[in-house]
PDB file of N, CA and C in Angstrom:
ATOM      1  N   MET A   1     -67.358  94.852 -55.700  1.00  0.00           N
ATOM      2  CA  MET A   1     -66.424  94.058 -56.649  1.00  0.00           C
ATOM      3  C   MET A   1     -66.362  94.781 -58.059  1.00  0.00           C
ATOM      4  N   HIS A   2     -65.258  94.827 -58.524  1.00  0.00           N
ATOM      5  CA  HIS A   2     -65.084  95.390 -59.840  1.00  0.00           C
ATOM      6  C   HIS A   2     -64.525  94.293 -60.874  1.00  0.00           C
ATOM      7  N   ILE A   3     -64.886  94.692 -62.204  1.00  0.00           N
ATOM      8  CA  ILE A   3     -64.473  93.762 -63.276  1.00  0.00           C
ATOM      9  C   ILE A   3     -62.991  93.437 -63.286  1.00  0.00           C
ATOM     10  N   GLU A   4     -62.258  94.387 -62.812  1.00  0.00           N
ATOM     11  CA  GLU A   4     -60.726  94.246 -62.769  1.00  0.00           C
ATOM     12  C   GLU A   4     -60.288  93.078 -61.765  1.00  0.00           C
ATOM     13  N   ALA A   5     -61.093  92.934 -60.706  1.00  0.00           N
ATOM     14  CA  ALA A   5     -60.762  91.992 -59.602  1.00  0.00           C
ATOM     15  C   ALA A   5     -60.888  90.507 -60.415  1.00  0.00           C
ATOM     16  N   ILE A   6     -62.125  90.167 -60.982  1.00  0.00           N
ATOM     17  CA  ILE A   6     -62.204  89.013 -61.833  1.00  0.00           C
ATOM     18  C   ILE A   6     -61.181  88.767 -62.798  1.00  0.00           C
ATOM     19  N   ARG A   7     -60.927  89.864 -63.578  1.00  0.00           N
ATOM     20  CA  ARG A   7     -59.855  89.900 -64.614  1.00  0.00           C
ATOM     21  C   ARG A   7     -58.564  89.345 -64.068  1.00  0.00           C
ATOM     22  N   GLU A   8     -58.066  90.004 -62.853  1.00  0.00           N
ATOM     23  CA  GLU A   8     -56.853  89.781 -62.227  1.00  0.00           C
ATOM     24  C   GLU A   8     -56.727  88.288 -61.611  1.00  0.00           C
ATOM     25  N   TYR A   9     -57.863  87.979 -61.208  1.00  0.00           N
ATOM     26  CA  TYR A   9     -57.986  86.603 -60.678  1.00  0.00           C
ATOM     27  C   TYR A   9     -57.694  85.536 -61.581  1.00  0.00           C
ATOM     28  N   CYS A  10     -58.482  85.663 -62.884  1.00  0.00           N
ATOM     29  CA  CYS A  10     -58.519  84.647 -63.907  1.00  0.00           C
ATOM     30  C   CYS A  10     -56.916  84.749 -64.514  1.00  0.00           C
ATOM     31  N   LEU A  11     -56.322  85.791 -64.652  1.00  0.00           N
ATOM     32  CA  LEU A  11     -55.009  86.072 -65.201  1.00  0.00           C
ATOM     33  C   LEU A  11     -53.951  85.423 -64.344  1.00  0.00           C
ATOM     34  N   SER A  12     -54.140  85.242 -62.815  1.00  0.00           N
ATOM     35  CA  SER A  12     -53.298  84.691 -61.905  1.00  0.00           C
ATOM     36  C   SER A  12     -53.382  83.156 -61.918  1.00  0.00           C
ATOM     37  N   LYS A  13     -54.234  82.614 -62.646  1.00  0.00           N
ATOM     38  CA  LYS A  13     -54.453  81.141 -62.838  1.00  0.00           C
ATOM     39  C   LYS A  13     -53.414  80.632 -63.834  1.00  0.00           C
ATOM     40  N   PRO A  14     -52.614  79.570 -63.512  1.00  0.00           N
ATOM     41  CA  PRO A  14     -51.566  79.159 -64.456  1.00  0.00           C
ATOM     42  C   PRO A  14     -51.877  78.793 -66.044  1.00  0.00           C
ATOM     43  N   GLY A  15     -51.284  79.427 -66.937  1.00  0.00           N
ATOM     44  CA  GLY A  15     -51.700  78.987 -68.343  1.00  0.00           C
ATOM     45  C   GLY A  15     -52.853  79.723 -68.803  1.00  0.00           C
ATOM     46  N   THR A  16     -53.370  80.783 -68.203  1.00  0.00           N
ATOM     47  CA  THR A  16     -54.469  81.358 -68.596  1.00  0.00           C
ATOM     48  C   THR A  16     -54.167  82.430 -69.796  1.00  0.00           C
ATOM     49  N   GLU A  17     -54.804  82.455 -70.873  1.00  0.00           N
ATOM     50  CA  GLU A  17     -54.834  83.376 -71.840  1.00  0.00           C
ATOM     51  C   GLU A  17     -56.112  84.306 -71.885  1.00  0.00           C
ATOM     52  N   GLU A  18     -55.876  85.552 -72.056  1.00  0.00           N
ATOM     53  CA  GLU A  18     -56.973  86.603 -72.201  1.00  0.00           C
ATOM     54  C   GLU A  18     -57.129  86.822 -73.707  1.00  0.00           C
ATOM     55  N   THR A  19     -58.332  86.520 -74.266  1.00  0.00           N
ATOM     56  CA  THR A  19     -58.495  86.829 -75.746  1.00  0.00           C
ATOM     57  C   THR A  19     -59.769  87.498 -75.932  1.00  0.00           C
ATOM     58  N   PHE A  20     -59.900  88.006 -77.231  1.00  0.00           N
ATOM     59  CA  PHE A  20     -61.127  88.694 -77.607  1.00  0.00           C
ATOM     60  C   PHE A  20     -61.767  88.165 -78.854  1.00  0.00           C
ATOM     61  N   PRO A  21     -62.095  86.747 -78.938  1.00  0.00           N
ATOM     62  CA  PRO A  21     -62.394  86.251 -80.129  1.00  0.00           C
ATOM     63  C   PRO A  21     -63.935  86.694 -80.605  1.00  0.00           C
ATOM     64  N   PHE A  22     -64.650  87.282 -79.641  1.00  0.00           N
ATOM     65  CA  PHE A  22     -66.153  87.711 -80.011  1.00  0.00           C
ATOM     66  C   PHE A  22     -66.108  89.324 -80.063  1.00  0.00           C
ATOM     67  N   GLY A  23     -64.989  89.911 -80.401  1.00  0.00           N
ATOM     68  CA  GLY A  23     -64.849  91.314 -80.494  1.00  0.00           C
ATOM     69  C   GLY A  23     -64.573  91.918 -79.157  1.00  0.00           C
ATOM     70  N   PRO A  24     -64.396  93.327 -79.196  1.00  0.00           N
ATOM     71  CA  PRO A  24     -63.849  94.030 -78.145  1.00  0.00           C
ATOM     72  C   PRO A  24     -64.691  94.217 -76.822  1.00  0.00           C
ATOM     73  N   ASP A  25     -65.930  93.658 -76.841  1.00  0.00           N
ATOM     74  CA  ASP A  25     -66.801  93.966 -75.757  1.00  0.00           C
ATOM     75  C   ASP A  25     -66.969  92.644 -74.928  1.00  0.00           C
ATOM     76  N   ASN A  26     -66.113  91.520 -75.186  1.00  0.00           N
ATOM     77  CA  ASN A  26     -66.089  90.325 -74.315  1.00  0.00           C
ATOM     78  C   ASN A  26     -64.858  89.748 -74.305  1.00  0.00           C
ATOM     79  N   ILE A  27     -64.412  89.580 -72.934  1.00  0.00           N
ATOM     80  CA  ILE A  27     -63.114  89.053 -72.676  1.00  0.00           C
ATOM     81  C   ILE A  27     -63.301  87.526 -72.498  1.00  0.00           C
ATOM     82  N   VAL A  28     -62.487  86.609 -73.165  1.00  0.00           N
ATOM     83  CA  VAL A  28     -62.616  85.343 -72.941  1.00  0.00           C
ATOM     84  C   VAL A  28     -61.198  84.826 -72.251  1.00  0.00           C
ATOM     85  N   PHE A  29     -61.603  84.084 -71.183  1.00  0.00           N
ATOM     86  CA  PHE A  29     -60.298  83.632 -70.535  1.00  0.00           C
ATOM     87  C   PHE A  29     -60.210  81.996 -70.935  1.00  0.00           C
ATOM     88  N   ARG A  30     -59.021  81.755 -71.386  1.00  0.00           N
ATOM     89  CA  ARG A  30     -58.888  80.224 -71.892  1.00  0.00           C
ATOM     90  C   ARG A  30     -57.560  79.529 -71.099  1.00  0.00           C
ATOM     91  N   ILE A  31     -57.826  78.256 -71.023  1.00  0.00           N
ATOM     92  CA  ILE A  31     -56.618  77.446 -70.574  1.00  0.00           C
ATOM     93  C   ILE A  31     -56.518  76.377 -71.710  1.00  0.00           C
ATOM     94  N   ASP A  32     -55.399  76.105 -72.295  1.00  0.00           N
ATOM     95  CA  ASP A  32     -55.201  75.055 -73.189  1.00  0.00           C
ATOM     96  C   ASP A  32     -55.997  75.364 -74.363  1.00  0.00           C
ATOM     97  N   ASN A  33     -56.281  76.621 -74.761  1.00  0.00           N
ATOM     98  CA  ASN A  33     -57.088  77.178 -75.841  1.00  0.00           C
ATOM     99  C   ASN A  33     -58.664  76.836 -75.894  1.00  0.00           C
ATOM    100  N   LYS A  34     -59.025  76.439 -74.545  1.00  0.00           N
ATOM    101  CA  LYS A  34     -60.419  76.247 -74.308  1.00  0.00           C
ATOM    102  C   LYS A  34     -60.983  77.137 -73.217  1.00  0.00           C
ATOM    103  N   MET A  35     -62.115  77.723 -73.526  1.00  0.00           N
ATOM    104  CA  MET A  35     -62.778  78.884 -72.700  1.00  0.00           C
ATOM    105  C   MET A  35     -63.207  78.305 -71.470  1.00  0.00           C
ATOM    106  N   TYR A  36     -62.893  79.167 -70.382  1.00  0.00           N
ATOM    107  CA  TYR A  36     -63.474  78.816 -68.927  1.00  0.00           C
ATOM    108  C   TYR A  36     -64.212  79.990 -68.354  1.00  0.00           C
ATOM    109  N   LEU A  37     -63.965  81.247 -68.967  1.00  0.00           N
ATOM    110  CA  LEU A  37     -64.847  82.219 -68.440  1.00  0.00           C
ATOM    111  C   LEU A  37     -65.078  83.281 -69.521  1.00  0.00           C
ATOM    112  N   LEU A  38     -66.147  83.818 -69.745  1.00  0.00           N
ATOM    113  CA  LEU A  38     -66.574  84.850 -70.573  1.00  0.00           C
ATOM    114  C   LEU A  38     -66.935  86.084 -69.819  1.00  0.00           C
ATOM    115  N   LEU A  39     -66.342  87.249 -69.886  1.00  0.00           N
ATOM    116  CA  LEU A  39     -66.755  88.184 -69.366  1.00  0.00           C
ATOM    117  C   LEU A  39     -67.082  89.335 -70.263  1.00  0.00           C
ATOM    118  N   PRO A  40     -68.434  89.655 -70.196  1.00  0.00           N
ATOM    119  CA  PRO A  40     -68.867  90.715 -71.089  1.00  0.00           C
ATOM    120  C   PRO A  40     -68.555  92.123 -70.556  1.00  0.00           C
ATOM    121  N   LEU A  41     -68.079  93.115 -71.445  1.00  0.00           N
ATOM    122  CA  LEU A  41     -67.644  94.557 -70.843  1.00  0.00           C
ATOM    123  C   LEU A  41     -68.815  95.404 -71.177  1.00  0.00           C
ATOM    124  N   ASP A  42     -69.882  95.108 -71.879  1.00  0.00           N
ATOM    125  CA  ASP A  42     -70.903  96.032 -72.158  1.00  0.00           C
ATOM    126  C   ASP A  42     -72.270  95.742 -71.574  1.00  0.00           C
ATOM    127  N   SER A  43     -72.160  94.990 -70.405  1.00  0.00           N
ATOM    128  CA  SER A  43     -73.287  94.668 -69.692  1.00  0.00           C
ATOM    129  C   SER A  43     -73.596  95.685 -68.603  1.00  0.00           C
ATOM    130  N   GLU A  44     -74.960  96.102 -68.457  1.00  0.00           N
ATOM    131  CA  GLU A  44     -75.353  97.116 -67.441  1.00  0.00           C
ATOM    132  C   GLU A  44     -74.926  96.688 -65.990  1.00  0.00           C
ATOM    133  N   ASP A  45     -74.925  95.484 -65.848  1.00  0.00           N
ATOM    134  CA  ASP A  45     -74.387  94.958 -64.431  1.00  0.00           C
ATOM    135  C   ASP A  45     -73.254  94.029 -64.624  1.00  0.00           C
ATOM    136  N   LEU A  46     -72.387  93.736 -63.552  1.00  0.00           N
ATOM    137  CA  LEU A  46     -71.321  92.939 -63.719  1.00  0.00           C
ATOM    138  C   LEU A  46     -71.687  91.416 -63.727  1.00  0.00           C
ATOM    139  N   ARG A  47     -71.368  90.703 -64.670  1.00  0.00           N
ATOM    140  CA  ARG A  47     -71.826  89.384 -64.866  1.00  0.00           C
ATOM    141  C   ARG A  47     -70.847  88.520 -65.701  1.00  0.00           C
ATOM    142  N   PHE A  48     -70.716  87.380 -65.452  1.00  0.00           N
ATOM    143  CA  PHE A  48     -69.761  86.571 -66.299  1.00  0.00           C
ATOM    144  C   PHE A  48     -70.392  85.051 -66.365  1.00  0.00           C
ATOM    145  N   ASN A  49     -69.811  84.310 -67.421  1.00  0.00           N
ATOM    146  CA  ASN A  49     -70.263  82.977 -67.633  1.00  0.00           C
ATOM    147  C   ASN A  49     -69.035  82.077 -67.345  1.00  0.00           C
ATOM    148  N   VAL A  50     -69.322  81.044 -66.591  1.00  0.00           N
ATOM    149  CA  VAL A  50     -68.415  80.082 -66.240  1.00  0.00           C
ATOM    150  C   VAL A  50     -68.930  78.641 -66.387  1.00  0.00           C
ATOM    151  N   LYS A  51     -68.027  77.711 -66.861  1.00  0.00           N
ATOM    152  CA  LYS A  51     -68.348  76.267 -67.157  1.00  0.00           C
ATOM    153  C   LYS A  51     -68.633  75.709 -65.839  1.00  0.00           C
ATOM    154  N   CYS A  52     -69.615  74.717 -65.872  1.00  0.00           N
ATOM    155  CA  CYS A  52     -69.958  74.047 -64.421  1.00  0.00           C
ATOM    156  C   CYS A  52     -70.461  72.575 -64.792  1.00  0.00           C
ATOM    157  N   ASP A  53     -70.079  71.812 -63.842  1.00  0.00           N
ATOM    158  CA  ASP A  53     -70.625  70.336 -63.860  1.00  0.00           C
ATOM    159  C   ASP A  53     -72.150  70.473 -63.890  1.00  0.00           C
ATOM    160  N   PRO A  54     -72.965  69.682 -64.890  1.00  0.00           N
ATOM    161  CA  PRO A  54     -74.314  69.916 -65.063  1.00  0.00           C
ATOM    162  C   PRO A  54     -75.167  69.703 -63.748  1.00  0.00           C
ATOM    163  N   ASP A  55     -74.843  68.743 -62.863  1.00  0.00           N
ATOM    164  CA  ASP A  55     -75.538  68.546 -61.571  1.00  0.00           C
ATOM    165  C   ASP A  55     -75.309  69.788 -60.749  1.00  0.00           C
ATOM    166  N   LEU A  56     -74.067  70.086 -60.549  1.00  0.00           N
ATOM    167  CA  LEU A  56     -73.864  71.180 -59.623  1.00  0.00           C
ATOM    168  C   LEU A  56     -74.584  72.488 -60.202  1.00  0.00           C
ATOM    169  N   ALA A  57     -74.428  72.715 -61.600  1.00  0.00           N
ATOM    170  CA  ALA A  57     -75.043  73.920 -62.127  1.00  0.00           C
ATOM    171  C   ALA A  57     -76.416  74.107 -61.698  1.00  0.00           C
ATOM    172  N   LEU A  58     -77.308  73.144 -61.736  1.00  0.00           N
ATOM    173  CA  LEU A  58     -78.636  72.942 -61.335  1.00  0.00           C
ATOM    174  C   LEU A  58     -78.774  73.451 -59.734  1.00  0.00           C
ATOM    175  N   GLU A  59     -77.913  72.782 -59.050  1.00  0.00           N
ATOM    176  CA  GLU A  59     -78.003  73.058 -57.438  1.00  0.00           C
ATOM    177  C   GLU A  59     -77.765  74.488 -57.273  1.00  0.00           C
ATOM    178  N   LEU A  60     -76.584  74.969 -57.880  1.00  0.00           N
ATOM    179  CA  LEU A  60     -76.215  76.447 -57.716  1.00  0.00           C
ATOM    180  C   LEU A  60     -77.333  77.313 -58.147  1.00  0.00           C
ATOM    181  N   ARG A  61     -78.156  77.058 -59.111  1.00  0.00           N
ATOM    182  CA  ARG A  61     -79.261  77.886 -59.642  1.00  0.00           C
ATOM    183  C   ARG A  61     -80.405  77.900 -58.565  1.00  0.00           C
ATOM    184  N   GLU A  62     -80.516  76.712 -58.042  1.00  0.00           N
ATOM    185  CA  GLU A  62     -81.509  76.671 -56.927  1.00  0.00           C
ATOM    186  C   GLU A  62     -81.337  77.280 -55.600  1.00  0.00           C
ATOM    187  N   GLN A  63     -79.977  77.231 -55.315  1.00  0.00           N
ATOM    188  CA  GLN A  63     -79.462  77.814 -54.052  1.00  0.00           C
ATOM    189  C   GLN A  63     -79.139  79.360 -54.219  1.00  0.00           C
ATOM    190  N   PHE A  64     -78.704  79.827 -55.161  1.00  0.00           N
ATOM    191  CA  PHE A  64     -78.345  81.212 -55.322  1.00  0.00           C
ATOM    192  C   PHE A  64     -79.073  82.020 -56.471  1.00  0.00           C
ATOM    193  N   PRO A  65     -79.723  82.980 -56.118  1.00  0.00           N
ATOM    194  CA  PRO A  65     -80.560  83.777 -57.110  1.00  0.00           C
ATOM    195  C   PRO A  65     -79.705  84.378 -58.191  1.00  0.00           C
ATOM    196  N   CYS A  66     -78.406  84.636 -57.785  1.00  0.00           N
ATOM    197  CA  CYS A  66     -77.417  85.328 -58.698  1.00  0.00           C
ATOM    198  C   CYS A  66     -76.760  84.481 -59.716  1.00  0.00           C
ATOM    199  N   VAL A  67     -77.252  83.204 -59.625  1.00  0.00           N
ATOM    200  CA  VAL A  67     -76.633  82.075 -60.459  1.00  0.00           C
ATOM    201  C   VAL A  67     -77.896  81.767 -61.530  1.00  0.00           C
ATOM    202  N   ILE A  68     -77.766  82.079 -62.653  1.00  0.00           N
ATOM    203  CA  ILE A  68     -78.710  81.616 -63.808  1.00  0.00           C
ATOM    204  C   ILE A  68     -78.214  80.918 -64.918  1.00  0.00           C
ATOM    205  N   PRO A  69     -79.049  80.137 -65.816  1.00  0.00           N
ATOM    206  CA  PRO A  69     -78.556  79.336 -66.870  1.00  0.00           C
ATOM    207  C   PRO A  69     -77.595  80.419 -67.790  1.00  0.00           C
ATOM    208  N   GLY A  70     -76.490  79.748 -68.337  1.00  0.00           N
ATOM    209  CA  GLY A  70     -75.545  80.486 -69.049  1.00  0.00           C
ATOM    210  C   GLY A  70     -76.103  81.292 -70.236  1.00  0.00           C
ATOM    211  N   PHE A  71     -76.032  82.626 -70.217  1.00  0.00           N
ATOM    212  CA  PHE A  71     -76.503  83.546 -71.310  1.00  0.00           C
ATOM    213  C   PHE A  71     -75.836  83.178 -72.573  1.00  0.00           C
ATOM    214  N   HIS A  72     -76.526  82.944 -73.615  1.00  0.00           N
ATOM    215  CA  HIS A  72     -75.936  82.650 -75.082  1.00  0.00           C
ATOM    216  C   HIS A  72     -74.969  81.439 -74.928  1.00  0.00           C
ATOM    217  N   MET A  73     -75.138  80.536 -74.009  1.00  0.00           N
ATOM    218  CA  MET A  73     -74.241  79.445 -73.913  1.00  0.00           C
ATOM    219  C   MET A  73     -75.089  78.105 -73.783  1.00  0.00           C
ATOM    220  N   ASN A  74     -74.455  76.935 -73.848  1.00  0.00           N
ATOM    221  CA  ASN A  74     -75.154  75.657 -73.506  1.00  0.00           C
ATOM    222  C   ASN A  74     -75.450  75.652 -71.903  1.00  0.00           C
ATOM    223  N   LYS A  75     -76.830  75.768 -71.744  1.00  0.00           N
ATOM    224  CA  LYS A  75     -77.380  75.978 -70.452  1.00  0.00           C
ATOM    225  C   LYS A  75     -77.168  74.726 -69.549  1.00  0.00           C
ATOM    226  N   LYS A  76     -76.833  73.504 -70.096  1.00  0.00           N
ATOM    227  CA  LYS A  76     -76.582  72.440 -69.275  1.00  0.00           C
ATOM    228  C   LYS A  76     -75.050  72.588 -68.625  1.00  0.00           C
ATOM    229  N   HIS A  77     -74.145  73.296 -69.333  1.00  0.00           N
ATOM    230  CA  HIS A  77     -72.806  73.179 -68.951  1.00  0.00           C
ATOM    231  C   HIS A  77     -72.362  74.647 -68.469  1.00  0.00           C
ATOM    232  N   TRP A  78     -73.191  75.720 -68.592  1.00  0.00           N
ATOM    233  CA  TRP A  78     -72.648  77.076 -68.387  1.00  0.00           C
ATOM    234  C   TRP A  78     -73.499  77.710 -67.287  1.00  0.00           C
ATOM    235  N   ASN A  79     -73.090  78.426 -66.445  1.00  0.00           N
ATOM    236  CA  ASN A  79     -73.711  79.341 -65.639  1.00  0.00           C
ATOM    237  C   ASN A  79     -73.448  80.875 -65.827  1.00  0.00           C
ATOM    238  N   THR A  80     -74.444  81.697 -65.700  1.00  0.00           N
ATOM    239  CA  THR A  80     -74.075  83.212 -65.576  1.00  0.00           C
ATOM    240  C   THR A  80     -74.151  83.451 -64.123  1.00  0.00           C
ATOM    241  N   ILE A  81     -73.010  84.204 -63.813  1.00  0.00           N
ATOM    242  CA  ILE A  81     -72.883  84.628 -62.259  1.00  0.00           C
ATOM    243  C   ILE A  81     -73.421  86.167 -62.368  1.00  0.00           C
ATOM    244  N   ILE A  82     -74.311  86.669 -61.718  1.00  0.00           N
ATOM    245  CA  ILE A  82     -74.604  88.208 -61.620  1.00  0.00           C
ATOM    246  C   ILE A  82     -73.901  88.557 -60.412  1.00  0.00           C
ATOM    247  N   VAL A  83     -72.908  89.428 -60.378  1.00  0.00           N
ATOM    248  CA  VAL A  83     -72.055  89.911 -59.350  1.00  0.00           C
ATOM    249  C   VAL A  83     -72.935  91.092 -58.681  1.00  0.00           C
ATOM    250  N   ASP A  84     -73.821  90.785 -57.706  1.00  0.00           N
ATOM    251  CA  ASP A  84     -74.769  91.745 -57.097  1.00  0.00           C
ATOM    252  C   ASP A  84     -74.493  91.889 -55.608  1.00  0.00           C
ATOM    253  N   GLY A  85     -73.472  91.295 -55.161  1.00  0.00           N
ATOM    254  CA  GLY A  85     -73.022  91.463 -53.692  1.00  0.00           C
ATOM    255  C   GLY A  85     -73.735  90.445 -52.780  1.00  0.00           C
ATOM    256  N   SER A  86     -74.459  89.514 -53.442  1.00  0.00           N
ATOM    257  CA  SER A  86     -75.184  88.452 -52.581  1.00  0.00           C
ATOM    258  C   SER A  86     -74.256  87.312 -52.250  1.00  0.00           C
ATOM    259  N   VAL A  87     -73.107  87.056 -52.845  1.00  0.00           N
ATOM    260  CA  VAL A  87     -72.259  86.087 -52.559  1.00  0.00           C
ATOM    261  C   VAL A  87     -70.806  86.823 -52.368  1.00  0.00           C
ATOM    262  N   SER A  88     -69.974  86.107 -51.691  1.00  0.00           N
ATOM    263  CA  SER A  88     -68.701  86.573 -51.482  1.00  0.00           C
ATOM    264  C   SER A  88     -67.691  86.529 -52.580  1.00  0.00           C
ATOM    265  N   PHE A  89     -66.670  87.317 -52.596  1.00  0.00           N
ATOM    266  CA  PHE A  89     -65.527  87.184 -53.729  1.00  0.00           C
ATOM    267  C   PHE A  89     -64.974  85.771 -53.378  1.00  0.00           C
ATOM    268  N   LYS A  90     -64.937  85.347 -52.215  1.00  0.00           N
ATOM    269  CA  LYS A  90     -64.277  83.867 -51.945  1.00  0.00           C
ATOM    270  C   LYS A  90     -65.124  82.847 -52.768  1.00  0.00           C
ATOM    271  N   GLN A  91     -66.449  82.988 -52.700  1.00  0.00           N
ATOM    272  CA  GLN A  91     -67.432  82.067 -53.480  1.00  0.00           C
ATOM    273  C   GLN A  91     -67.211  82.105 -54.884  1.00  0.00           C
ATOM    274  N   ILE A  92     -67.248  83.343 -55.317  1.00  0.00           N
ATOM    275  CA  ILE A  92     -66.928  83.683 -56.741  1.00  0.00           C
ATOM    276  C   ILE A  92     -65.839  82.950 -57.269  1.00  0.00           C
ATOM    277  N   LYS A  93     -64.568  83.178 -56.500  1.00  0.00           N
ATOM    278  CA  LYS A  93     -63.288  82.571 -56.919  1.00  0.00           C
ATOM    279  C   LYS A  93     -63.519  81.039 -56.935  1.00  0.00           C
ATOM    280  N   GLU A  94     -64.317  80.346 -56.057  1.00  0.00           N
ATOM    281  CA  GLU A  94     -64.469  78.981 -56.072  1.00  0.00           C
ATOM    282  C   GLU A  94     -65.169  78.513 -57.452  1.00  0.00           C
ATOM    283  N   TRP A  95     -66.231  79.328 -57.805  1.00  0.00           N
ATOM    284  CA  TRP A  95     -66.973  79.038 -59.134  1.00  0.00           C
ATOM    285  C   TRP A  95     -65.900  79.167 -60.358  1.00  0.00           C
ATOM    286  N   ILE A  96     -65.034  80.057 -60.266  1.00  0.00           N
ATOM    287  CA  ILE A  96     -64.134  80.313 -61.290  1.00  0.00           C
ATOM    288  C   ILE A  96     -63.158  79.153 -61.383  1.00  0.00           C
ATOM    289  N   ASP A  97     -62.771  78.700 -60.037  1.00  0.00           N
ATOM    290  CA  ASP A  97     -61.665  77.637 -59.966  1.00  0.00           C
ATOM    291  C   ASP A  97     -62.305  76.346 -60.549  1.00  0.00           C
ATOM    292  N   HIS A  98     -63.581  76.158 -60.221  1.00  0.00           N
ATOM    293  CA  HIS A  98     -64.307  74.912 -60.666  1.00  0.00           C
ATOM    294  C   HIS A  98     -64.349  74.941 -62.182  1.00  0.00           C
ATOM    295  N   SER A  99     -64.689  76.035 -62.895  1.00  0.00           N
ATOM    296  CA  SER A  99     -64.655  76.124 -64.272  1.00  0.00           C
ATOM    297  C   SER A  99     -63.257  75.879 -65.007  1.00  0.00           C
ATOM    298  N   TYR A 100     -62.302  76.539 -64.330  1.00  0.00           N
ATOM    299  CA  TYR A 100     -60.910  76.291 -64.668  1.00  0.00           C
ATOM    300  C   TYR A 100     -60.481  74.914 -64.711  1.00  0.00           C
ATOM    301  N   ASP A 101     -60.868  74.321 -63.597  1.00  0.00           N
ATOM    302  CA  ASP A 101     -60.428  72.878 -63.241  1.00  0.00           C
ATOM    303  C   ASP A 101     -61.208  71.944 -64.204  1.00  0.00           C
ATOM    304  N   LEU A 102     -62.376  72.052 -64.546  1.00  0.00           N
ATOM    305  CA  LEU A 102     -63.037  71.352 -65.569  1.00  0.00           C
ATOM    306  C   LEU A 102     -62.409  71.491 -66.852  1.00  0.00           C
ATOM    307  N   VAL A 103     -62.222  72.653 -67.316  1.00  0.00           N
ATOM    308  CA  VAL A 103     -61.576  72.879 -68.652  1.00  0.00           C
ATOM    309  C   VAL A 103     -60.109  72.311 -68.829  1.00  0.00           C
ATOM    310  N   LYS A 104     -59.512  72.663 -67.840  1.00  0.00           N
ATOM    311  CA  LYS A 104     -57.951  72.273 -67.745  1.00  0.00           C
ATOM    312  C   LYS A 104     -57.772  70.663 -67.750  1.00  0.00           C
ATOM    313  N   GLY A 105     -58.718  69.948 -67.361  1.00  0.00           N
ATOM    314  CA  GLY A 105     -58.790  68.672 -67.104  1.00  0.00           C
ATOM    315  C   GLY A 105     -58.906  67.920 -68.493  1.00  0.00           C
ATOM    316  N   LYS A 106     -59.633  68.727 -69.461  1.00  0.00           N
ATOM    317  CA  LYS A 106     -59.785  68.245 -70.723  1.00  0.00           C
ATOM    318  C   LYS A 106     -58.553  68.508 -71.744  1.00  0.00           C
ATOM    319  N   LYS A 107     -58.037  67.389 -72.230  1.00  0.00           N
ATOM    320  CA  LYS A 107     -56.863  67.655 -73.249  1.00  0.00           C
ATOM    321  C   LYS A 107     -57.523  67.452 -74.789  1.00  0.00           C
ATOM    322  N   LYS A 108     -56.817  68.261 -75.431  1.00  0.00           N
ATOM    323  CA  LYS A 108     -57.051  68.060 -76.993  1.00  0.00           C
ATOM    324  C   LYS A 108     -56.844  66.644 -77.444  1.00  0.00           C
ATOM    325  N   LYS A 109     -57.590  66.221 -78.388  1.00  0.00           N
ATOM    326  CA  LYS A 109     -57.203  64.929 -78.977  1.00  0.00           C
ATOM    327  C   LYS A 109     -56.413  65.040 -80.123  1.00  0.00           C
TER     328      LYS A 109
END
């Protein structure tokens, strides 16, 4: 899997914006101006951060070695997914969908 597949999948989600608030080395995908995926471009391996329900985040970390606490993020609510071929793109899309749905469900006050 390539970085472009993740980028294209995120951009296919309704209302998604691609931004670079942390500089040119990190793509941030947002819905309603809230981040749901952070994709570093300067990492040696392909990895990205997604928002996750706290209980599910712990379960996924126990079940999948490629899922670790969110790097440079709130580890209760974010997971880092290392794309090492151990899970299918279908599974990765489900994790992206979960993050997108969590963020989309929250409206600004």
